[in-house]
Amino acid sequence: MAAAAARGVPCDRLIFDDEGHEFRRPANRVSYVTTVTGWLSDRLNPPCPRKPED
């Protein structure tokens, strides 16, 4: 996280107190996948260019 923050990349740490090294609880898996896909979507999908007005 320190390297990402040093480059200005927004990042969050997900900690599930009821998990170990793997995500076994379905709710935690959903939260993880939702968070990661949202983060990737924000960074990998460039904004659509504005269409010039006629």
Protein backbone atom coordinates (compact mmCIF):
# COMPACT_ATOMS: atom_id res chain seq x y z
CA MET A 1 0.00 0.00 0.00
CA ALA A 2 2.86 2.37 0.71
CA ALA A 3 4.14 2.08 -2.87
CA ALA A 4 0.69 2.77 -4.31
CA ALA A 5 0.15 5.73 -1.99
CA ALA A 6 3.58 7.12 -2.90
CA ARG A 7 2.49 7.11 -6.55
CA GLY A 8 -0.84 8.75 -5.74
CA VAL A 9 -2.88 5.63 -6.48
CA PRO A 10 -5.94 5.52 -4.24
CA CYS A 11 -6.17 2.25 -2.37
CA ASP A 12 -8.03 0.74 0.53
CA ARG A 13 -7.17 -2.13 2.81
CA LEU A 14 -9.82 -4.77 3.28
CA ILE A 15 -9.59 -6.58 6.58
CA PHE A 16 -12.03 -9.28 7.52
CA ASP A 17 -11.53 -10.02 11.21
CA ASP A 18 -13.31 -13.36 10.90
CA GLU A 19 -11.05 -14.69 8.11
CA GLY A 20 -7.51 -15.99 7.83
CA HIS A 21 -5.50 -16.11 4.60
CA GLU A 22 -8.51 -17.13 2.51
CA PHE A 23 -12.02 -15.77 2.17
CA ARG A 24 -14.33 -18.58 3.21
CA ARG A 25 -17.46 -16.69 4.22
CA PRO A 26 -19.69 -15.89 1.22
CA ALA A 27 -20.44 -12.36 2.44
CA ASN A 28 -16.73 -11.59 2.65
CA ARG A 29 -16.14 -12.99 -0.83
CA VAL A 30 -18.90 -10.82 -2.25
CA SER A 31 -17.52 -7.75 -0.50
CA TYR A 32 -14.00 -8.45 -1.77
CA VAL A 33 -15.02 -9.09 -5.38
CA THR A 34 -17.33 -6.07 -5.43
CA THR A 35 -14.62 -3.81 -4.04
CA VAL A 36 -11.88 -5.07 -6.38
CA THR A 37 -14.01 -4.96 -9.53
CA GLY A 38 -15.16 -1.45 -8.65
CA TRP A 39 -11.57 -0.32 -8.10
CA LEU A 40 -10.46 -1.85 -11.40
CA SER A 41 -13.41 -0.41 -13.26
CA ASP A 42 -12.64 3.08 -11.99
CA ARG A 43 -9.04 2.86 -13.14
CA LEU A 44 -9.23 0.80 -16.33
CA ASN A 45 -12.31 2.31 -17.98
CA PRO A 46 -11.35 5.73 -19.28
CA PRO A 47 -14.11 8.30 -19.41
CA CYS A 48 -15.96 8.44 -22.69
CA PRO A 49 -14.88 11.35 -24.87
CA ARG A 50 -17.49 14.03 -25.26
CA LYS A 51 -19.21 14.04 -28.59
CA PRO A 52 -18.71 17.36 -30.37
CA GLU A 53 -21.89 19.32 -30.75
CA ASP A 54 -23.05 19.89 -34.30
